[in-house]
mmCIF file of all heavy atoms, coordinates in Angstrom:
data_MODEL
# 
_entry.id   MODEL 
# 
loop_
_atom_site.group_PDB 
_atom_site.id 
_atom_site.type_symbol 
_atom_site.label_atom_id 
_atom_site.label_alt_id 
_atom_site.label_comp_id 
_atom_site.label_asym_id 
_atom_site.label_entity_id 
_atom_site.label_seq_id 
_atom_site.pdbx_PDB_ins_code 
_atom_site.Cartn_x 
_atom_site.Cartn_y 
_atom_site.Cartn_z 
_atom_site.occupancy 
_atom_site.B_iso_or_equiv 
_atom_site.pdbx_formal_charge 
_atom_site.auth_seq_id 
_atom_site.auth_comp_id 
_atom_site.auth_asym_id 
_atom_site.auth_atom_id 
_atom_site.pdbx_PDB_model_num 
ATOM 1   N N   . LEU A 1 1  ? 0.891  -76.605 198.026 1.00 0.00 ? 1  LEU A N   1 
ATOM 2   C CA  . LEU A 1 1  ? 1.847  -77.263 197.138 1.00 0.00 ? 1  LEU A CA  1 
ATOM 3   C C   . LEU A 1 1  ? 2.740  -78.240 197.974 1.00 0.00 ? 1  LEU A C   1 
ATOM 4   O O   . LEU A 1 1  ? 3.040  -77.938 199.127 1.00 0.00 ? 1  LEU A O   1 
ATOM 5   C CB  . LEU A 1 1  ? 2.753  -76.245 196.435 1.00 0.00 ? 1  LEU A CB  1 
ATOM 6   C CG  . LEU A 1 1  ? 2.052  -75.154 195.625 1.00 0.00 ? 1  LEU A CG  1 
ATOM 7   C CD1 . LEU A 1 1  ? 3.115  -74.169 195.117 1.00 0.00 ? 1  LEU A CD1 1 
ATOM 8   C CD2 . LEU A 1 1  ? 1.287  -75.767 194.460 1.00 0.00 ? 1  LEU A CD2 1 
ATOM 9   N N   . ALA A 1 2  ? 3.141  -79.324 197.321 1.00 0.00 ? 2  ALA A N   1 
ATOM 10  C CA  . ALA A 1 2  ? 4.121  -80.205 197.921 1.00 0.00 ? 2  ALA A CA  1 
ATOM 11  C C   . ALA A 1 2  ? 5.402  -80.068 197.157 1.00 0.00 ? 2  ALA A C   1 
ATOM 12  O O   . ALA A 1 2  ? 5.526  -80.542 196.010 1.00 0.00 ? 2  ALA A O   1 
ATOM 13  C CB  . ALA A 1 2  ? 3.622  -81.659 197.896 1.00 0.00 ? 2  ALA A CB  1 
ATOM 14  N N   . VAL A 1 3  ? 6.370  -79.315 197.704 1.00 0.00 ? 3  VAL A N   1 
ATOM 15  C CA  . VAL A 1 3  ? 7.590  -79.022 196.954 1.00 0.00 ? 3  VAL A CA  1 
ATOM 16  C C   . VAL A 1 3  ? 8.696  -79.933 197.411 1.00 0.00 ? 3  VAL A C   1 
ATOM 17  O O   . VAL A 1 3  ? 9.114  -79.936 198.602 1.00 0.00 ? 3  VAL A O   1 
ATOM 18  C CB  . VAL A 1 3  ? 7.999  -77.520 197.217 1.00 0.00 ? 3  VAL A CB  1 
ATOM 19  C CG1 . VAL A 1 3  ? 9.252  -77.209 196.450 1.00 0.00 ? 3  VAL A CG1 1 
ATOM 20  C CG2 . VAL A 1 3  ? 6.861  -76.601 196.836 1.00 0.00 ? 3  VAL A CG2 1 
ATOM 21  N N   . PRO A 1 4  ? 9.212  -80.789 196.527 1.00 0.00 ? 4  PRO A N   1 
ATOM 22  C CA  . PRO A 1 4  ? 10.314 -81.711 196.915 1.00 0.00 ? 4  PRO A CA  1 
ATOM 23  C C   . PRO A 1 4  ? 11.520 -80.951 197.512 1.00 0.00 ? 4  PRO A C   1 
ATOM 24  O O   . PRO A 1 4  ? 11.935 -79.917 196.970 1.00 0.00 ? 4  PRO A O   1 
ATOM 25  C CB  . PRO A 1 4  ? 10.675 -82.402 195.599 1.00 0.00 ? 4  PRO A CB  1 
ATOM 26  C CG  . PRO A 1 4  ? 9.438  -82.313 194.788 1.00 0.00 ? 4  PRO A CG  1 
ATOM 27  C CD  . PRO A 1 4  ? 8.808  -80.999 195.122 1.00 0.00 ? 4  PRO A CD  1 
ATOM 28  N N   . GLY A 1 5  ? 11.993 -81.413 198.622 1.00 0.00 ? 5  GLY A N   1 
ATOM 29  C CA  . GLY A 1 5  ? 13.116 -80.763 199.279 1.00 0.00 ? 5  GLY A CA  1 
ATOM 30  C C   . GLY A 1 5  ? 12.733 -79.630 200.179 1.00 0.00 ? 5  GLY A C   1 
ATOM 31  O O   . GLY A 1 5  ? 13.545 -79.059 200.923 1.00 0.00 ? 5  GLY A O   1 
ATOM 32  N N   . VAL A 1 6  ? 11.450 -79.214 200.148 1.00 0.00 ? 6  VAL A N   1 
ATOM 33  C CA  . VAL A 1 6  ? 10.958 -78.114 200.955 1.00 0.00 ? 6  VAL A CA  1 
ATOM 34  C C   . VAL A 1 6  ? 9.821  -78.612 201.850 1.00 0.00 ? 6  VAL A C   1 
ATOM 35  O O   . VAL A 1 6  ? 9.807  -78.358 203.038 1.00 0.00 ? 6  VAL A O   1 
ATOM 36  C CB  . VAL A 1 6  ? 10.460 -76.958 200.056 1.00 0.00 ? 6  VAL A CB  1 
ATOM 37  C CG1 . VAL A 1 6  ? 9.872  -75.827 200.932 1.00 0.00 ? 6  VAL A CG1 1 
ATOM 38  C CG2 . VAL A 1 6  ? 11.641 -76.419 199.205 1.00 0.00 ? 6  VAL A CG2 1 
ATOM 39  N N   . GLY A 1 7  ? 8.829  -79.302 201.251 1.00 0.00 ? 7  GLY A N   1 
ATOM 40  C CA  . GLY A 1 7  ? 7.677  -79.778 202.032 1.00 0.00 ? 7  GLY A CA  1 
ATOM 41  C C   . GLY A 1 7  ? 6.425  -79.072 201.620 1.00 0.00 ? 7  GLY A C   1 
ATOM 42  O O   . GLY A 1 7  ? 6.300  -78.506 200.545 1.00 0.00 ? 7  GLY A O   1 
ATOM 43  N N   . ARG A 1 8  ? 5.473  -79.035 202.548 1.00 0.00 ? 8  ARG A N   1 
ATOM 44  C CA  . ARG A 1 8  ? 4.190  -78.419 202.278 1.00 0.00 ? 8  ARG A CA  1 
ATOM 45  C C   . ARG A 1 8  ? 4.341  -76.888 202.322 1.00 0.00 ? 8  ARG A C   1 
ATOM 46  O O   . ARG A 1 8  ? 4.938  -76.333 203.215 1.00 0.00 ? 8  ARG A O   1 
ATOM 47  C CB  . ARG A 1 8  ? 3.183  -78.864 203.350 1.00 0.00 ? 8  ARG A CB  1 
ATOM 48  C CG  . ARG A 1 8  ? 1.815  -78.174 203.277 1.00 0.00 ? 8  ARG A CG  1 
ATOM 49  C CD  . ARG A 1 8  ? 0.963  -78.610 204.468 1.00 0.00 ? 8  ARG A CD  1 
ATOM 50  N NE  . ARG A 1 8  ? -0.364 -78.021 204.456 1.00 0.00 ? 8  ARG A NE  1 
ATOM 51  C CZ  . ARG A 1 8  ? -0.646 -76.783 204.983 1.00 0.00 ? 8  ARG A CZ  1 
ATOM 52  N NH1 . ARG A 1 8  ? 0.349  -76.085 205.501 1.00 0.00 ? 8  ARG A NH1 1 
ATOM 53  N NH2 . ARG A 1 8  ? -1.887 -76.361 204.901 1.00 0.00 ? 8  ARG A NH2 1 
ATOM 54  N N   . VAL A 1 9  ? 3.699  -76.245 201.328 1.00 0.00 ? 9  VAL A N   1 
ATOM 55  C CA  . VAL A 1 9  ? 3.722  -74.803 201.234 1.00 0.00 ? 9  VAL A CA  1 
ATOM 56  C C   . VAL A 1 9  ? 2.295  -74.367 200.892 1.00 0.00 ? 9  VAL A C   1 
ATOM 57  O O   . VAL A 1 9  ? 1.710  -74.853 199.929 1.00 0.00 ? 9  VAL A O   1 
ATOM 58  C CB  . VAL A 1 9  ? 4.691  -74.310 200.144 1.00 0.00 ? 9  VAL A CB  1 
ATOM 59  C CG1 . VAL A 1 9  ? 4.593  -72.803 199.942 1.00 0.00 ? 9  VAL A CG1 1 
ATOM 60  C CG2 . VAL A 1 9  ? 6.129  -74.692 200.499 1.00 0.00 ? 9  VAL A CG2 1 
ATOM 61  N N   . LEU A 1 10 ? 1.775  -73.406 201.650 1.00 0.00 ? 10 LEU A N   1 
ATOM 62  C CA  . LEU A 1 10 ? 0.482  -72.816 201.363 1.00 0.00 ? 10 LEU A CA  1 
ATOM 63  C C   . LEU A 1 10 ? 0.769  -71.390 200.905 1.00 0.00 ? 10 LEU A C   1 
ATOM 64  O O   . LEU A 1 10 ? 1.278  -70.528 201.664 1.00 0.00 ? 10 LEU A O   1 
ATOM 65  C CB  . LEU A 1 10 ? -0.449 -72.812 202.568 1.00 0.00 ? 10 LEU A CB  1 
ATOM 66  C CG  . LEU A 1 10 ? -1.843 -72.248 202.282 1.00 0.00 ? 10 LEU A CG  1 
ATOM 67  C CD1 . LEU A 1 10 ? -2.623 -73.153 201.338 1.00 0.00 ? 10 LEU A CD1 1 
ATOM 68  C CD2 . LEU A 1 10 ? -2.586 -72.111 203.637 1.00 0.00 ? 10 LEU A CD2 1 
ATOM 69  N N   . THR A 1 11 ? 0.409  -71.062 199.642 1.00 0.00 ? 11 THR A N   1 
ATOM 70  C CA  . THR A 1 11 ? 0.838  -69.813 199.071 1.00 0.00 ? 11 THR A CA  1 
ATOM 71  C C   . THR A 1 11 ? -0.142 -69.303 198.016 1.00 0.00 ? 11 THR A C   1 
ATOM 72  O O   . THR A 1 11 ? -0.944 -70.117 197.490 1.00 0.00 ? 11 THR A O   1 
ATOM 73  C CB  . THR A 1 11 ? 2.255  -69.919 198.457 1.00 0.00 ? 11 THR A CB  1 
ATOM 74  O OG1 . THR A 1 11 ? 2.742  -68.640 198.102 1.00 0.00 ? 11 THR A OG1 1 
ATOM 75  C CG2 . THR A 1 11 ? 2.282  -70.887 197.284 1.00 0.00 ? 11 THR A CG2 1 
ATOM 76  N N   . ARG A 1 12 ? -0.105 -68.040 197.683 1.00 0.00 ? 12 ARG A N   1 
ATOM 77  C CA  . ARG A 1 12 ? -0.890 -67.488 196.621 1.00 0.00 ? 12 ARG A CA  1 
ATOM 78  C C   . ARG A 1 12 ? -0.273 -67.905 195.280 1.00 0.00 ? 12 ARG A C   1 
ATOM 79  O O   . ARG A 1 12 ? 0.928  -67.714 195.074 1.00 0.00 ? 12 ARG A O   1 
ATOM 80  C CB  . ARG A 1 12 ? -0.972 -65.965 196.718 1.00 0.00 ? 12 ARG A CB  1 
ATOM 81  C CG  . ARG A 1 12 ? -1.641 -65.424 197.952 1.00 0.00 ? 12 ARG A CG  1 
ATOM 82  C CD  . ARG A 1 12 ? -1.444 -63.914 198.055 1.00 0.00 ? 12 ARG A CD  1 
ATOM 83  N NE  . ARG A 1 12 ? -2.101 -63.308 199.176 1.00 0.00 ? 12 ARG A NE  1 
ATOM 84  C CZ  . ARG A 1 12 ? -1.543 -63.084 200.366 1.00 0.00 ? 12 ARG A CZ  1 
ATOM 85  N NH1 . ARG A 1 12 ? -0.256 -63.491 200.550 1.00 0.00 ? 12 ARG A NH1 1 
ATOM 86  N NH2 . ARG A 1 12 ? -2.184 -62.497 201.323 1.00 0.00 ? 12 ARG A NH2 1 
ATOM 87  N N   . THR A 1 13 ? -1.067 -68.355 194.330 1.00 0.00 ? 13 THR A N   1 
ATOM 88  C CA  . THR A 1 13 ? -0.548 -68.837 193.064 1.00 0.00 ? 13 THR A CA  1 
ATOM 89  C C   . THR A 1 13 ? -1.406 -68.360 191.899 1.00 0.00 ? 13 THR A C   1 
ATOM 90  O O   . THR A 1 13 ? -2.574 -68.023 192.047 1.00 0.00 ? 13 THR A O   1 
ATOM 91  C CB  . THR A 1 13 ? -0.492 -70.342 192.976 1.00 0.00 ? 13 THR A CB  1 
ATOM 92  O OG1 . THR A 1 13 ? -1.805 -70.869 192.986 1.00 0.00 ? 13 THR A OG1 1 
ATOM 93  C CG2 . THR A 1 13 ? 0.339  -70.947 194.109 1.00 0.00 ? 13 THR A CG2 1 
ATOM 94  N N   . TYR A 1 14 ? -0.806 -68.353 190.726 1.00 0.00 ? 14 TYR A N   1 
ATOM 95  C CA  . TYR A 1 14 ? -1.539 -68.358 189.454 1.00 0.00 ? 14 TYR A CA  1 
ATOM 96  C C   . TYR A 1 14 ? -1.819 -69.815 189.051 1.00 0.00 ? 14 TYR A C   1 
ATOM 97  O O   . TYR A 1 14 ? -0.851 -70.594 188.903 1.00 0.00 ? 14 TYR A O   1 
ATOM 98  C CB  . TYR A 1 14 ? -0.727 -67.706 188.340 1.00 0.00 ? 14 TYR A CB  1 
ATOM 99  C CG  . TYR A 1 14 ? -0.567 -66.186 188.396 1.00 0.00 ? 14 TYR A CG  1 
ATOM 100 C CD1 . TYR A 1 14 ? 0.698  -65.646 188.570 1.00 0.00 ? 14 TYR A CD1 1 
ATOM 101 C CD2 . TYR A 1 14 ? -1.639 -65.354 188.264 1.00 0.00 ? 14 TYR A CD2 1 
ATOM 102 C CE1 . TYR A 1 14 ? 0.887  -64.265 188.598 1.00 0.00 ? 14 TYR A CE1 1 
ATOM 103 C CE2 . TYR A 1 14 ? -1.464 -63.957 188.259 1.00 0.00 ? 14 TYR A CE2 1 
ATOM 104 C CZ  . TYR A 1 14 ? -0.223 -63.421 188.457 1.00 0.00 ? 14 TYR A CZ  1 
ATOM 105 O OH  . TYR A 1 14 ? -0.064 -62.048 188.511 1.00 0.00 ? 14 TYR A OH  1 
ATOM 106 N N   . GLU A 1 15 ? -3.035 -70.135 188.826 1.00 0.00 ? 15 GLU A N   1 
ATOM 107 C CA  . GLU A 1 15 ? -3.428 -71.455 188.293 1.00 0.00 ? 15 GLU A CA  1 
ATOM 108 C C   . GLU A 1 15 ? -2.900 -72.621 189.094 1.00 0.00 ? 15 GLU A C   1 
ATOM 109 O O   . GLU A 1 15 ? -2.621 -73.670 188.554 1.00 0.00 ? 15 GLU A O   1 
ATOM 110 C CB  . GLU A 1 15 ? -2.989 -71.552 186.834 1.00 0.00 ? 15 GLU A CB  1 
ATOM 111 C CG  . GLU A 1 15 ? -3.691 -70.657 185.887 1.00 0.00 ? 15 GLU A CG  1 
ATOM 112 C CD  . GLU A 1 15 ? -5.152 -71.002 185.674 1.00 0.00 ? 15 GLU A CD  1 
ATOM 113 O OE1 . GLU A 1 15 ? -5.462 -71.828 184.812 1.00 0.00 ? 15 GLU A OE1 1 
ATOM 114 O OE2 . GLU A 1 15 ? -6.019 -70.462 186.423 1.00 0.00 ? 15 GLU A OE2 1 
ATOM 115 N N   . GLY A 1 16 ? -2.710 -72.414 190.415 1.00 0.00 ? 16 GLY A N   1 
ATOM 116 C CA  . GLY A 1 16 ? -2.363 -73.540 191.270 1.00 0.00 ? 16 GLY A CA  1 
ATOM 117 C C   . GLY A 1 16 ? -0.926 -73.976 191.218 1.00 0.00 ? 16 GLY A C   1 
ATOM 118 O O   . GLY A 1 16 ? -0.592 -75.057 191.702 1.00 0.00 ? 16 GLY A O   1 
ATOM 119 N N   . SER A 1 17 ? -0.017 -73.195 190.646 1.00 0.00 ? 17 SER A N   1 
ATOM 120 C CA  . SER A 1 17 ? 1.387  -73.601 190.538 1.00 0.00 ? 17 SER A CA  1 
ATOM 121 C C   . SER A 1 17 ? 2.316  -72.391 190.691 1.00 0.00 ? 17 SER A C   1 
ATOM 122 O O   . SER A 1 17 ? 1.928  -71.241 190.492 1.00 0.00 ? 17 SER A O   1 
ATOM 123 C CB  . SER A 1 17 ? 1.652  -74.261 189.213 1.00 0.00 ? 17 SER A CB  1 
ATOM 124 O OG  . SER A 1 17 ? 1.135  -75.549 189.175 1.00 0.00 ? 17 SER A OG  1 
ATOM 125 N N   . VAL A 1 18 ? 3.539  -72.657 191.089 1.00 0.00 ? 18 VAL A N   1 
ATOM 126 C CA  . VAL A 1 18 ? 4.619  -71.732 191.113 1.00 0.00 ? 18 VAL A CA  1 
ATOM 127 C C   . VAL A 1 18 ? 5.696  -72.237 190.140 1.00 0.00 ? 18 VAL A C   1 
ATOM 128 O O   . VAL A 1 18 ? 6.217  -73.312 190.364 1.00 0.00 ? 18 VAL A O   1 
ATOM 129 C CB  . VAL A 1 18 ? 5.223  -71.553 192.513 1.00 0.00 ? 18 VAL A CB  1 
ATOM 130 C CG1 . VAL A 1 18 ? 6.447  -70.659 192.489 1.00 0.00 ? 18 VAL A CG1 1 
ATOM 131 C CG2 . VAL A 1 18 ? 4.157  -71.000 193.463 1.00 0.00 ? 18 VAL A CG2 1 
ATOM 132 N N   . PRO A 1 19 ? 5.998  -71.543 189.018 1.00 0.00 ? 19 PRO A N   1 
ATOM 133 C CA  . PRO A 1 19 ? 5.318  -70.331 188.545 1.00 0.00 ? 19 PRO A CA  1 
ATOM 134 C C   . PRO A 1 19 ? 4.031  -70.659 187.852 1.00 0.00 ? 19 PRO A C   1 
ATOM 135 O O   . PRO A 1 19 ? 3.633  -71.824 187.770 1.00 0.00 ? 19 PRO A O   1 
ATOM 136 C CB  . PRO A 1 19 ? 6.342  -69.772 187.564 1.00 0.00 ? 19 PRO A CB  1 
ATOM 137 C CG  . PRO A 1 19 ? 6.990  -71.010 186.960 1.00 0.00 ? 19 PRO A CG  1 
ATOM 138 C CD  . PRO A 1 19 ? 7.080  -71.992 188.108 1.00 0.00 ? 19 PRO A CD  1 
ATOM 139 N N   . GLY A 1 20 ? 3.338  -69.600 187.354 1.00 0.00 ? 20 GLY A N   1 
ATOM 140 C CA  . GLY A 1 20 ? 2.163  -69.815 186.510 1.00 0.00 ? 20 GLY A CA  1 
ATOM 141 C C   . GLY A 1 20 ? 2.525  -70.269 185.116 1.00 0.00 ? 20 GLY A C   1 
ATOM 142 O O   . GLY A 1 20 ? 3.693  -70.452 184.785 1.00 0.00 ? 20 GLY A O   1 
ATOM 143 N N   . PRO A 1 21 ? 1.522  -70.433 184.256 1.00 0.00 ? 21 PRO A N   1 
ATOM 144 C CA  . PRO A 1 21 ? 1.763  -70.914 182.893 1.00 0.00 ? 21 PRO A CA  1 
ATOM 145 C C   . PRO A 1 21 ? 2.647  -69.926 182.102 1.00 0.00 ? 21 PRO A C   1 
ATOM 146 O O   . PRO A 1 21 ? 2.607  -68.717 182.338 1.00 0.00 ? 21 PRO A O   1 
ATOM 147 C CB  . PRO A 1 21 ? 0.376  -71.010 182.277 1.00 0.00 ? 21 PRO A CB  1 
ATOM 148 C CG  . PRO A 1 21 ? -0.572 -70.986 183.439 1.00 0.00 ? 21 PRO A CG  1 
ATOM 149 C CD  . PRO A 1 21 ? 0.080  -70.236 184.516 1.00 0.00 ? 21 PRO A CD  1 
ATOM 150 N N   . THR A 1 22 ? 3.441  -70.496 181.196 1.00 0.00 ? 22 THR A N   1 
ATOM 151 C CA  . THR A 1 22 ? 4.191  -69.661 180.226 1.00 0.00 ? 22 THR A CA  1 
ATOM 152 C C   . THR A 1 22 ? 3.252  -69.270 179.081 1.00 0.00 ? 22 THR A C   1 
ATOM 153 O O   . THR A 1 22 ? 2.617  -70.165 178.470 1.00 0.00 ? 22 THR A O   1 
ATOM 154 C CB  . THR A 1 22 ? 5.423  -70.412 179.705 1.00 0.00 ? 22 THR A CB  1 
ATOM 155 O OG1 . THR A 1 22 ? 6.299  -70.669 180.806 1.00 0.00 ? 22 THR A OG1 1 
ATOM 156 C CG2 . THR A 1 22 ? 6.152  -69.637 178.670 1.00 0.00 ? 22 THR A CG2 1 
ATOM 157 N N   . LEU A 1 23 ? 3.203  -68.018 178.737 1.00 0.00 ? 23 LEU A N   1 
ATOM 158 C CA  . LEU A 1 23 ? 2.369  -67.529 177.697 1.00 0.00 ? 23 LEU A CA  1 
ATOM 159 C C   . LEU A 1 23 ? 3.254  -67.176 176.512 1.00 0.00 ? 23 LEU A C   1 
ATOM 160 O O   . LEU A 1 23 ? 4.170  -66.399 176.587 1.00 0.00 ? 23 LEU A O   1 
ATOM 161 C CB  . LEU A 1 23 ? 1.593  -66.250 178.135 1.00 0.00 ? 23 LEU A CB  1 
ATOM 162 C CG  . LEU A 1 23 ? 0.828  -66.373 179.479 1.00 0.00 ? 23 LEU A CG  1 
ATOM 163 C CD1 . LEU A 1 23 ? 0.164  -65.073 179.822 1.00 0.00 ? 23 LEU A CD1 1 
ATOM 164 C CD2 . LEU A 1 23 ? -0.175 -67.516 179.403 1.00 0.00 ? 23 LEU A CD2 1 
ATOM 165 N N   . ARG A 1 24 ? 2.895  -67.768 175.326 1.00 0.00 ? 24 ARG A N   1 
ATOM 166 C CA  . ARG A 1 24 ? 3.761  -67.572 174.121 1.00 0.00 ? 24 ARG A CA  1 
ATOM 167 C C   . ARG A 1 24 ? 2.914  -66.901 173.070 1.00 0.00 ? 24 ARG A C   1 
ATOM 168 O O   . ARG A 1 24 ? 1.821  -67.333 172.694 1.00 0.00 ? 24 ARG A O   1 
ATOM 169 C CB  . ARG A 1 24 ? 4.271  -68.921 173.598 1.00 0.00 ? 24 ARG A CB  1 
ATOM 170 C CG  . ARG A 1 24 ? 5.175  -69.646 174.630 1.00 0.00 ? 24 ARG A CG  1 
ATOM 171 C CD  . ARG A 1 24 ? 5.796  -70.921 174.011 1.00 0.00 ? 24 ARG A CD  1 
ATOM 172 N NE  . ARG A 1 24 ? 6.855  -70.579 173.142 1.00 0.00 ? 24 ARG A NE  1 
ATOM 173 C CZ  . ARG A 1 24 ? 8.165  -70.711 173.437 1.00 0.00 ? 24 ARG A CZ  1 
ATOM 174 N NH1 . ARG A 1 24 ? 8.529  -71.178 174.618 1.00 0.00 ? 24 ARG A NH1 1 
ATOM 175 N NH2 . ARG A 1 24 ? 9.109  -70.406 172.565 1.00 0.00 ? 24 ARG A NH2 1 
ATOM 176 N N   . VAL A 1 25 ? 3.430  -65.785 172.522 1.00 0.00 ? 25 VAL A N   1 
ATOM 177 C CA  . VAL A 1 25 ? 2.765  -64.986 171.506 1.00 0.00 ? 25 VAL A CA  1 
ATOM 178 C C   . VAL A 1 25 ? 3.801  -64.564 170.444 1.00 0.00 ? 25 VAL A C   1 
ATOM 179 O O   . VAL A 1 25 ? 4.991  -64.701 170.679 1.00 0.00 ? 25 VAL A O   1 
ATOM 180 C CB  . VAL A 1 25 ? 2.096  -63.756 172.110 1.00 0.00 ? 25 VAL A CB  1 
ATOM 181 C CG1 . VAL A 1 25 ? 0.889  -64.163 172.913 1.00 0.00 ? 25 VAL A CG1 1 
ATOM 182 C CG2 . VAL A 1 25 ? 3.046  -62.950 172.938 1.00 0.00 ? 25 VAL A CG2 1 
ATOM 183 N N   . ARG A 1 26 ? 3.306  -63.981 169.378 1.00 0.00 ? 26 ARG A N   1 
ATOM 184 C CA  . ARG A 1 26 ? 4.133  -63.393 168.346 1.00 0.00 ? 26 ARG A CA  1 
ATOM 185 C C   . ARG A 1 26 ? 3.678  -61.943 168.144 1.00 0.00 ? 26 ARG A C   1 
ATOM 186 O O   . ARG A 1 26 ? 2.548  -61.599 168.495 1.00 0.00 ? 26 ARG A O   1 
ATOM 187 C CB  . ARG A 1 26 ? 4.039  -64.184 167.046 1.00 0.00 ? 26 ARG A CB  1 
ATOM 188 C CG  . ARG A 1 26 ? 4.448  -65.639 167.155 1.00 0.00 ? 26 ARG A CG  1 
ATOM 189 C CD  . ARG A 1 26 ? 4.421  -66.364 165.844 1.00 0.00 ? 26 ARG A CD  1 
ATOM 190 N NE  . ARG A 1 26 ? 5.393  -65.882 164.895 1.00 0.00 ? 26 ARG A NE  1 
ATOM 191 C CZ  . ARG A 1 26 ? 6.658  -66.320 164.817 1.00 0.00 ? 26 ARG A CZ  1 
ATOM 192 N NH1 . ARG A 1 26 ? 7.043  -67.305 165.609 1.00 0.00 ? 26 ARG A NH1 1 
ATOM 193 N NH2 . ARG A 1 26 ? 7.506  -65.814 163.960 1.00 0.00 ? 26 ARG A NH2 1 
# 
């Protein structure tokens, strides 16, 4: 990831992002 203000970060992720997707249900 390229995090503005932080720089390059190599990390474990859900779906390639921090955080992962928001799941909406009823």
